[in-house]
């Protein structure tokens, strides 16, 4: 499982380069529960912050299919800050 997770991670720079590319992304909570879906990483980040503000625990944002890219909470904040998002505190 560790190899799968590490191979699905991308650098902040890579995520910034693909932030507006059309792709299927899911916002996932505990136990992999899908809380929402989006058509770009930027939209998925926005959804994640809205869901967090509403009291949901967001575990990761995943590019589909098969969680091709996984963005965990800490990295979400860094990428959002780099793109000058207004992000609520986790």
PDB file of N, CA and C in Angstrom:
ATOM      1  N   UNK A   1       0.826  -1.191   0.000  1.00  0.00           N
ATOM      2  CA  UNK A   1       0.000   0.000   0.000  1.00  0.00           C
ATOM      3  C   UNK A   1       0.876   1.263   0.000  1.00  0.00           C
ATOM      4  N   UNK A   2       1.983   1.243   0.748  1.00  0.00           N
ATOM      5  CA  UNK A   2       2.860   2.405   0.808  1.00  0.00           C
ATOM      6  C   UNK A   2       3.385   2.778  -0.576  1.00  0.00           C
ATOM      7  N   UNK A   3       3.740   1.795  -1.401  1.00  0.00           N
ATOM      8  CA  UNK A   3       4.230   2.081  -2.742  1.00  0.00           C
ATOM      9  C   UNK A   3       3.155   2.751  -3.588  1.00  0.00           C
ATOM     10  N   UNK A   4       1.918   2.307  -3.428  1.00  0.00           N
ATOM     11  CA  UNK A   4       0.821   2.908  -4.173  1.00  0.00           C
ATOM     12  C   UNK A   4       0.651   4.373  -3.794  1.00  0.00           C
ATOM     13  N   UNK A   5       0.680   4.669  -2.511  1.00  0.00           N
ATOM     14  CA  UNK A   5       0.494   6.050  -2.067  1.00  0.00           C
ATOM     15  C   UNK A   5       1.652   6.916  -2.535  1.00  0.00           C
ATOM     16  N   UNK A   6       2.890   6.473  -2.352  1.00  0.00           N
ATOM     17  CA  UNK A   6       4.025   7.298  -2.744  1.00  0.00           C
ATOM     18  C   UNK A   6       4.071   7.522  -4.249  1.00  0.00           C
ATOM     19  N   UNK A   7       3.654   6.542  -5.046  1.00  0.00           N
ATOM     20  CA  UNK A   7       3.685   6.716  -6.491  1.00  0.00           C
ATOM     21  C   UNK A   7       2.557   7.621  -6.970  1.00  0.00           C
ATOM     22  N   UNK A   8       1.550   7.859  -6.134  1.00  0.00           N
ATOM     23  CA  UNK A   8       0.426   8.713  -6.502  1.00  0.00           C
ATOM     24  C   UNK A   8       0.645  10.165  -6.070  1.00  0.00           C
ATOM     25  N   UNK A   9       1.685  10.425  -5.335  1.00  0.00           N
ATOM     26  CA  UNK A   9       1.976  11.794  -4.897  1.00  0.00           C
ATOM     27  C   UNK A   9       2.697  12.552  -6.000  1.00  0.00           C
ATOM     28  N   UNK A  10       2.465  13.858  -6.035  1.00  0.00           N
ATOM     29  CA  UNK A  10       3.137  14.730  -7.002  1.00  0.00           C
ATOM     30  C   UNK A  10       3.687  15.940  -6.262  1.00  0.00           C
ATOM     31  N   UNK A  11       4.674  16.565  -6.839  1.00  0.00           N
ATOM     32  CA  UNK A  11       5.253  17.763  -6.223  1.00  0.00           C
ATOM     33  C   UNK A  11       4.254  18.913  -6.304  1.00  0.00           C
ATOM     34  N   UNK A  12       4.452  19.908  -5.458  1.00  0.00           N
ATOM     35  CA  UNK A  12       3.606  21.100  -5.500  1.00  0.00           C
ATOM     36  C   UNK A  12       3.683  21.749  -6.876  1.00  0.00           C
ATOM     37  N   UNK A  13       4.881  21.814  -7.446  1.00  0.00           N
ATOM     38  CA  UNK A  13       5.045  22.432  -8.770  1.00  0.00           C
ATOM     39  C   UNK A  13       4.247  21.685  -9.837  1.00  0.00           C
ATOM     40  N   UNK A  14       4.254  20.366  -9.772  1.00  0.00           N
ATOM     41  CA  UNK A  14       3.478  19.584 -10.740  1.00  0.00           C
ATOM     42  C   UNK A  14       1.987  19.865 -10.586  1.00  0.00           C
ATOM     43  N   UNK A  15       1.518  19.918  -9.351  1.00  0.00           N
ATOM     44  CA  UNK A  15       0.098  20.190  -9.116  1.00  0.00           C
ATOM     45  C   UNK A  15      -0.286  21.590  -9.599  1.00  0.00           C
ATOM     46  N   UNK A  16       0.590  22.553  -9.385  1.00  0.00           N
ATOM     47  CA  UNK A  16       0.319  23.912  -9.871  1.00  0.00           C
ATOM     48  C   UNK A  16       0.249  23.944 -11.398  1.00  0.00           C
ATOM     49  N   UNK A  17       1.048  23.124 -12.041  1.00  0.00           N
ATOM     50  CA  UNK A  17       1.052  23.095 -13.509  1.00  0.00           C
ATOM     51  C   UNK A  17      -0.234  22.497 -14.078  1.00  0.00           C
ATOM     52  N   UNK A  18      -0.895  21.624 -13.319  1.00  0.00           N
ATOM     53  CA  UNK A  18      -2.109  20.965 -13.831  1.00  0.00           C
ATOM     54  C   UNK A  18      -3.383  21.468 -13.148  1.00  0.00           C
ATOM     55  N   UNK A  19      -3.299  22.531 -12.393  1.00  0.00           N
ATOM     56  CA  UNK A  19      -4.417  22.961 -11.542  1.00  0.00           C
ATOM     57  C   UNK A  19      -5.711  23.229 -12.307  1.00  0.00           C
ATOM     58  N   UNK A  20      -5.621  23.676 -13.555  1.00  0.00           N
ATOM     59  CA  UNK A  20      -6.819  23.988 -14.329  1.00  0.00           C
ATOM     60  C   UNK A  20      -7.106  22.997 -15.454  1.00  0.00           C
ATOM     61  N   UNK A  21      -6.313  21.944 -15.561  1.00  0.00           N
ATOM     62  CA  UNK A  21      -6.572  20.935 -16.587  1.00  0.00           C
ATOM     63  C   UNK A  21      -7.845  20.166 -16.247  1.00  0.00           C
ATOM     64  N   UNK A  22      -8.647  19.899 -17.256  1.00  0.00           N
ATOM     65  CA  UNK A  22      -9.879  19.155 -17.042  1.00  0.00           C
ATOM     66  C   UNK A  22      -9.561  17.689 -16.750  1.00  0.00           C
ATOM     67  N   UNK A  23     -10.098  17.235 -15.638  1.00  0.00           N
ATOM     68  CA  UNK A  23      -9.914  15.859 -15.203  1.00  0.00           C
ATOM     69  C   UNK A  23     -10.941  15.600 -14.102  1.00  0.00           C
ATOM     70  N   UNK A  24     -11.187  14.351 -13.801  1.00  0.00           N
ATOM     71  CA  UNK A  24     -12.107  14.011 -12.722  1.00  0.00           C
ATOM     72  C   UNK A  24     -11.359  13.929 -11.400  1.00  0.00           C
ATOM     73  N   UNK A  25     -11.821  14.683 -10.414  1.00  0.00           N
ATOM     74  CA  UNK A  25     -11.227  14.704  -9.082  1.00  0.00           C
ATOM     75  C   UNK A  25     -12.314  14.423  -8.057  1.00  0.00           C
ATOM     76  N   UNK A  26     -11.981  13.691  -7.006  1.00  0.00           N
ATOM     77  CA  UNK A  26     -12.908  13.488  -5.903  1.00  0.00           C
ATOM     78  C   UNK A  26     -12.320  14.092  -4.632  1.00  0.00           C
ATOM     79  N   UNK A  27     -13.198  14.611  -3.808  1.00  0.00           N
ATOM     80  CA  UNK A  27     -12.827  15.087  -2.480  1.00  0.00           C
ATOM     81  C   UNK A  27     -13.266  13.985  -1.527  1.00  0.00           C
ATOM     82  N   UNK A  28     -12.308  13.427  -0.803  1.00  0.00           N
ATOM     83  CA  UNK A  28     -12.569  12.246   0.018  1.00  0.00           C
ATOM     84  C   UNK A  28     -12.448  12.537   1.498  1.00  0.00           C
ATOM     85  N   UNK A  29     -13.367  11.940   2.251  1.00  0.00           N
ATOM     86  CA  UNK A  29     -13.346  12.036   3.698  1.00  0.00           C
ATOM     87  C   UNK A  29     -12.808  10.762   4.311  1.00  0.00           C
ATOM     88  N   UNK A  30     -13.244  10.521   5.533  1.00  0.00           N
ATOM     89  CA  UNK A  30     -12.803   9.323   6.256  1.00  0.00           C
ATOM     90  C   UNK A  30     -13.199   8.055   5.505  1.00  0.00           C
ATOM     91  N   UNK A  31     -12.347   7.061   5.608  1.00  0.00           N
ATOM     92  CA  UNK A  31     -12.573   5.738   5.012  1.00  0.00           C
ATOM     93  C   UNK A  31     -12.820   5.804   3.512  1.00  0.00           C
ATOM     94  N   UNK A  32     -12.272   6.827   2.844  1.00  0.00           N
ATOM     95  CA  UNK A  32     -12.404   6.943   1.404  1.00  0.00           C
ATOM     96  C   UNK A  32     -13.769   7.385   0.927  1.00  0.00           C
ATOM     97  N   UNK A  33     -14.619   7.842   1.837  1.00  0.00           N
ATOM     98  CA  UNK A  33     -15.966   8.297   1.479  1.00  0.00           C
ATOM     99  C   UNK A  33     -15.869   9.524   0.571  1.00  0.00           C
ATOM    100  N   UNK A  34     -16.486   9.460  -0.599  1.00  0.00           N
ATOM    101  CA  UNK A  34     -16.460  10.581  -1.536  1.00  0.00           C
ATOM    102  C   UNK A  34     -17.448  11.640  -1.063  1.00  0.00           C
ATOM    103  N   UNK A  35     -16.922  12.826  -0.777  1.00  0.00           N
ATOM    104  CA  UNK A  35     -17.737  13.948  -0.312  1.00  0.00           C
ATOM    105  C   UNK A  35     -18.179  14.850  -1.456  1.00  0.00           C
ATOM    106  N   UNK A  36     -17.462  14.783  -2.573  1.00  0.00           N
ATOM    107  CA  UNK A  36     -17.796  15.605  -3.726  1.00  0.00           C
ATOM    108  C   UNK A  36     -16.894  15.270  -4.893  1.00  0.00           C
ATOM    109  N   UNK A  37     -17.248  15.816  -6.048  1.00  0.00           N
ATOM    110  CA  UNK A  37     -16.421  15.616  -7.235  1.00  0.00           C
ATOM    111  C   UNK A  37     -16.307  16.925  -7.995  1.00  0.00           C
ATOM    112  N   UNK A  38     -15.231  17.054  -8.740  1.00  0.00           N
ATOM    113  CA  UNK A  38     -14.939  18.281  -9.481  1.00  0.00           C
ATOM    114  C   UNK A  38     -14.277  17.945 -10.797  1.00  0.00           C
ATOM    115  N   UNK A  39     -14.232  18.925 -11.689  1.00  0.00           N
ATOM    116  CA  UNK A  39     -13.637  18.728 -13.018  1.00  0.00           C
ATOM    117  C   UNK A  39     -12.233  19.310 -13.142  1.00  0.00           C
ATOM    118  N   UNK A  40     -11.721  19.927 -12.071  1.00  0.00           N
ATOM    119  CA  UNK A  40     -10.333  20.401 -12.083  1.00  0.00           C
ATOM    120  C   UNK A  40      -9.812  20.366 -10.660  1.00  0.00           C
ATOM    121  N   UNK A  41      -8.504  20.369 -10.532  1.00  0.00           N
ATOM    122  CA  UNK A  41      -7.896  20.405  -9.204  1.00  0.00           C
ATOM    123  C   UNK A  41      -8.267  21.699  -8.488  1.00  0.00           C
ATOM    124  N   UNK A  42      -8.295  22.815  -9.194  1.00  0.00           N
ATOM    125  CA  UNK A  42      -8.663  24.095  -8.575  1.00  0.00           C
ATOM    126  C   UNK A  42     -10.061  23.998  -7.949  1.00  0.00           C
ATOM    127  N   UNK A  43     -11.012  23.462  -8.699  1.00  0.00           N
ATOM    128  CA  UNK A  43     -12.378  23.324  -8.179  1.00  0.00           C
ATOM    129  C   UNK A  43     -12.440  22.341  -7.011  1.00  0.00           C
ATOM    130  N   UNK A  44     -11.651  21.288  -7.083  1.00  0.00           N
ATOM    131  CA  UNK A  44     -11.616  20.316  -5.986  1.00  0.00           C
ATOM    132  C   UNK A  44     -11.048  20.950  -4.722  1.00  0.00           C
ATOM    133  N   UNK A  45     -10.020  21.781  -4.859  1.00  0.00           N
ATOM    134  CA  UNK A  45      -9.474  22.492  -3.698  1.00  0.00           C
ATOM    135  C   UNK A  45     -10.537  23.394  -3.080  1.00  0.00           C
ATOM    136  N   UNK A  46     -11.220  24.145  -3.922  1.00  0.00           N
ATOM    137  CA  UNK A  46     -12.288  25.022  -3.405  1.00  0.00           C
ATOM    138  C   UNK A  46     -13.344  24.210  -2.677  1.00  0.00           C
ATOM    139  N   UNK A  47     -13.756  23.100  -3.261  1.00  0.00           N
ATOM    140  CA  UNK A  47     -14.762  22.238  -2.631  1.00  0.00           C
ATOM    141  C   UNK A  47     -14.267  21.707  -1.285  1.00  0.00           C
ATOM    142  N   UNK A  48     -13.012  21.313  -1.245  1.00  0.00           N
ATOM    143  CA  UNK A  48     -12.449  20.783  -0.003  1.00  0.00           C
ATOM    144  C   UNK A  48     -12.507  21.822   1.112  1.00  0.00           C
ATOM    145  N   UNK A  49     -12.186  23.069   0.804  1.00  0.00           N
ATOM    146  CA  UNK A  49     -12.191  24.108   1.832  1.00  0.00           C
ATOM    147  C   UNK A  49     -13.610  24.454   2.276  1.00  0.00           C
ATOM    148  N   UNK A  50     -14.555  24.431   1.346  1.00  0.00           N
ATOM    149  CA  UNK A  50     -15.966  24.666   1.693  1.00  0.00           C
ATOM    150  C   UNK A  50     -16.468  23.540   2.592  1.00  0.00           C
ATOM    151  N   UNK A  51     -16.145  22.309   2.241  1.00  0.00           N
ATOM    152  CA  UNK A  51     -16.566  21.169   3.049  1.00  0.00           C
ATOM    153  C   UNK A  51     -15.941  21.214   4.439  1.00  0.00           C
ATOM    154  N   UNK A  52     -14.664  21.563   4.528  1.00  0.00           N
ATOM    155  CA  UNK A  52     -13.999  21.700   5.829  1.00  0.00           C
ATOM    156  C   UNK A  52     -14.693  22.767   6.668  1.00  0.00           C
ATOM    157  N   UNK A  53     -15.023  23.900   6.054  1.00  0.00           N
ATOM    158  CA  UNK A  53     -15.695  24.987   6.775  1.00  0.00           C
ATOM    159  C   UNK A  53     -17.074  24.553   7.279  1.00  0.00           C
ATOM    160  N   UNK A  54     -17.695  23.609   6.566  1.00  0.00           N
ATOM    161  CA  UNK A  54     -19.008  23.100   6.958  1.00  0.00           C
ATOM    162  C   UNK A  54     -18.906  21.988   8.010  1.00  0.00           C
ATOM    163  N   UNK A  55     -17.689  21.627   8.393  1.00  0.00           N
ATOM    164  CA  UNK A  55     -17.504  20.651   9.453  1.00  0.00           C
ATOM    165  C   UNK A  55     -17.145  19.242   9.008  1.00  0.00           C
ATOM    166  N   UNK A  56     -16.960  19.032   7.718  1.00  0.00           N
ATOM    167  CA  UNK A  56     -16.559  17.714   7.234  1.00  0.00           C
ATOM    168  C   UNK A  56     -15.048  17.567   7.357  1.00  0.00           C
ATOM    169  N   UNK A  57     -14.606  16.348   7.597  1.00  0.00           N
ATOM    170  CA  UNK A  57     -13.170  16.064   7.618  1.00  0.00           C
ATOM    171  C   UNK A  57     -12.756  15.639   6.211  1.00  0.00           C
ATOM    172  N   UNK A  58     -11.923  16.439   5.580  1.00  0.00           N
ATOM    173  CA  UNK A  58     -11.412  16.103   4.244  1.00  0.00           C
ATOM    174  C   UNK A  58     -10.046  15.452   4.418  1.00  0.00           C
ATOM    175  N   UNK A  59      -9.928  14.230   3.937  1.00  0.00           N
ATOM    176  CA  UNK A  59      -8.686  13.472   4.065  1.00  0.00           C
ATOM    177  C   UNK A  59      -7.760  13.708   2.880  1.00  0.00           C
ATOM    178  N   UNK A  60      -8.325  13.724   1.657  1.00  0.00           N
ATOM    179  CA  UNK A  60      -7.498  13.866   0.456  1.00  0.00           C
ATOM    180  C   UNK A  60      -8.358  14.247  -0.737  1.00  0.00           C
ATOM    181  N   UNK A  61      -7.695  14.776  -1.742  1.00  0.00           N
ATOM    182  CA  UNK A  61      -8.296  14.996  -3.053  1.00  0.00           C
ATOM    183  C   UNK A  61      -7.599  14.018  -3.994  1.00  0.00           C
ATOM    184  N   UNK A  62      -8.392  13.289  -4.797  1.00  0.00           N
ATOM    185  CA  UNK A  62      -7.813  12.248  -5.637  1.00  0.00           C
ATOM    186  C   UNK A  62      -8.237  12.421  -7.088  1.00  0.00           C
ATOM    187  N   UNK A  63      -7.257  12.324  -7.980  1.00  0.00           N
ATOM    188  CA  UNK A  63      -7.570  12.331  -9.412  1.00  0.00           C
ATOM    189  C   UNK A  63      -8.000  10.922  -9.791  1.00  0.00           C
ATOM    190  N   UNK A  64      -9.044  10.855 -10.561  1.00  0.00           N
ATOM    191  CA  UNK A  64      -9.583   9.570 -10.999  1.00  0.00           C
ATOM    192  C   UNK A  64      -9.161   9.298 -12.438  1.00  0.00           C
ATOM    193  N   UNK A  65      -9.078   8.079 -12.870  1.00  0.00           N
ATOM    194  CA  UNK A  65      -9.502   6.868 -12.188  1.00  0.00           C
ATOM    195  C   UNK A  65      -8.414   6.324 -11.260  1.00  0.00           C
ATOM    196  N   UNK A  66      -8.845   5.504 -10.346  1.00  0.00           N
ATOM    197  CA  UNK A  66      -7.972   4.738  -9.435  1.00  0.00           C
ATOM    198  C   UNK A  66      -6.999   5.590  -8.641  1.00  0.00           C
ATOM    199  N   UNK A  67      -7.436   6.766  -8.209  1.00  0.00           N
ATOM    200  CA  UNK A  67      -6.583   7.616  -7.380  1.00  0.00           C
ATOM    201  C   UNK A  67      -5.202   7.824  -8.000  1.00  0.00           C
ATOM    202  N   UNK A  68      -5.203   8.218  -9.285  1.00  0.00           N
ATOM    203  CA  UNK A  68      -3.955   8.396 -10.029  1.00  0.00           C
ATOM    204  C   UNK A  68      -3.031   9.400  -9.351  1.00  0.00           C
ATOM    205  N   UNK A  69      -3.612  10.462  -8.800  1.00  0.00           N
ATOM    206  CA  UNK A  69      -2.865  11.453  -8.024  1.00  0.00           C
ATOM    207  C   UNK A  69      -3.613  11.654  -6.720  1.00  0.00           C
ATOM    208  N   UNK A  70      -2.886  11.655  -5.612  1.00  0.00           N
ATOM    209  CA  UNK A  70      -3.491  11.886  -4.301  1.00  0.00           C
ATOM    210  C   UNK A  70      -2.850  13.130  -3.698  1.00  0.00           C
ATOM    211  N   UNK A  71      -3.701  14.068  -3.267  1.00  0.00           N
ATOM    212  CA  UNK A  71      -3.245  15.300  -2.628  1.00  0.00           C
ATOM    213  C   UNK A  71      -3.783  15.285  -1.199  1.00  0.00           C
ATOM    214  N   UNK A  72      -2.892  15.141  -0.225  1.00  0.00           N
ATOM    215  CA  UNK A  72      -3.307  15.102   1.166  1.00  0.00           C
ATOM    216  C   UNK A  72      -3.466  16.522   1.723  1.00  0.00           C
ATOM    217  N   UNK A  73      -4.079  16.646   2.887  1.00  0.00           N
ATOM    218  CA  UNK A  73      -4.482  17.936   3.450  1.00  0.00           C
ATOM    219  C   UNK A  73      -3.334  18.949   3.529  1.00  0.00           C
ATOM    220  N   UNK A  74      -2.199  18.555   4.023  1.00  0.00           N
ATOM    221  CA  UNK A  74      -1.084  19.504   4.159  1.00  0.00           C
ATOM    222  C   UNK A  74      -0.704  20.102   2.805  1.00  0.00           C
ATOM    223  N   UNK A  75      -0.641  19.258   1.784  1.00  0.00           N
ATOM    224  CA  UNK A  75      -0.276  19.725   0.451  1.00  0.00           C
ATOM    225  C   UNK A  75      -1.381  20.591  -0.150  1.00  0.00           C
ATOM    226  N   UNK A  76      -2.633  20.308   0.169  1.00  0.00           N
ATOM    227  CA  UNK A  76      -3.735  21.154  -0.310  1.00  0.00           C
ATOM    228  C   UNK A  76      -3.507  22.604   0.099  1.00  0.00           C
ATOM    229  N   UNK A  77      -3.156  22.801   1.343  1.00  0.00           N
ATOM    230  CA  UNK A  77      -2.915  24.154   1.848  1.00  0.00           C
ATOM    231  C   UNK A  77      -1.758  24.835   1.142  1.00  0.00           C
ATOM    232  N   UNK A  78      -0.676  24.113   0.928  1.00  0.00           N
ATOM    233  CA  UNK A  78       0.489  24.710   0.254  1.00  0.00           C
ATOM    234  C   UNK A  78       0.151  25.112  -1.177  1.00  0.00           C
ATOM    235  N   UNK A  79      -0.522  24.233  -1.905  1.00  0.00           N
ATOM    236  CA  UNK A  79      -0.865  24.522  -3.301  1.00  0.00           C
ATOM    237  C   UNK A  79      -1.836  25.691  -3.375  1.00  0.00           C
ATOM    238  N   UNK A  80      -2.816  25.696  -2.481  1.00  0.00           N
ATOM    239  CA  UNK A  80      -3.791  26.784  -2.462  1.00  0.00           C
ATOM    240  C   UNK A  80      -3.110  28.116  -2.154  1.00  0.00           C
ATOM    241  N   UNK A  81      -2.216  28.144  -1.203  1.00  0.00           N
ATOM    242  CA  UNK A  81      -1.501  29.375  -0.867  1.00  0.00           C
ATOM    243  C   UNK A  81      -0.656  29.852  -2.042  1.00  0.00           C
ATOM    244  N   UNK A  82      -0.043  28.939  -2.758  1.00  0.00           N
ATOM    245  CA  UNK A  82       0.789  29.315  -3.903  1.00  0.00           C
ATOM    246  C   UNK A  82      -0.040  29.948  -5.011  1.00  0.00           C
ATOM    247  N   UNK A  83      -1.310  29.592  -5.113  1.00  0.00           N
ATOM    248  CA  UNK A  83      -2.194  30.165  -6.129  1.00  0.00           C
ATOM    249  C   UNK A  83      -3.054  31.291  -5.563  1.00  0.00           C
ATOM    250  N   UNK A  84      -2.699  31.779  -4.381  1.00  0.00           N
ATOM    251  CA  UNK A  84      -3.359  32.925  -3.752  1.00  0.00           C
ATOM    252  C   UNK A  84      -4.856  32.690  -3.515  1.00  0.00           C
ATOM    253  N   UNK A  85      -5.194  31.489  -3.087  1.00  0.00           N
ATOM    254  CA  UNK A  85      -6.559  31.208  -2.647  1.00  0.00           C
ATOM    255  C   UNK A  85      -6.785  31.862  -1.295  1.00  0.00           C
ATOM    256  N   UNK A  86      -8.004  32.149  -0.966  1.00  0.00           N
ATOM    257  CA  UNK A  86      -8.354  32.482   0.407  1.00  0.00           C
ATOM    258  C   UNK A  86      -8.749  31.178   1.045  1.00  0.00           C
ATOM    259  N   UNK A  87      -7.928  30.700   1.964  1.00  0.00           N
ATOM    260  CA  UNK A  87      -8.201  29.391   2.547  1.00  0.00           C
ATOM    261  C   UNK A  87      -8.477  29.509   4.031  1.00  0.00           C
ATOM    262  N   UNK A  88      -9.514  28.864   4.504  1.00  0.00           N
ATOM    263  CA  UNK A  88      -9.776  28.840   5.933  1.00  0.00           C
ATOM    264  C   UNK A  88      -8.768  27.936   6.625  1.00  0.00           C
ATOM    265  N   UNK A  89      -8.561  28.187   7.888  1.00  0.00           N
ATOM    266  CA  UNK A  89      -7.633  27.356   8.658  1.00  0.00           C
ATOM    267  C   UNK A  89      -8.211  25.967   8.834  1.00  0.00           C
ATOM    268  N   UNK A  90      -7.351  24.949   8.765  1.00  0.00           N
ATOM    269  CA  UNK A  90      -7.779  23.557   8.999  1.00  0.00           C
ATOM    270  C   UNK A  90      -7.880  23.331  10.494  1.00  0.00           C
TER     271      UNK A  90
END
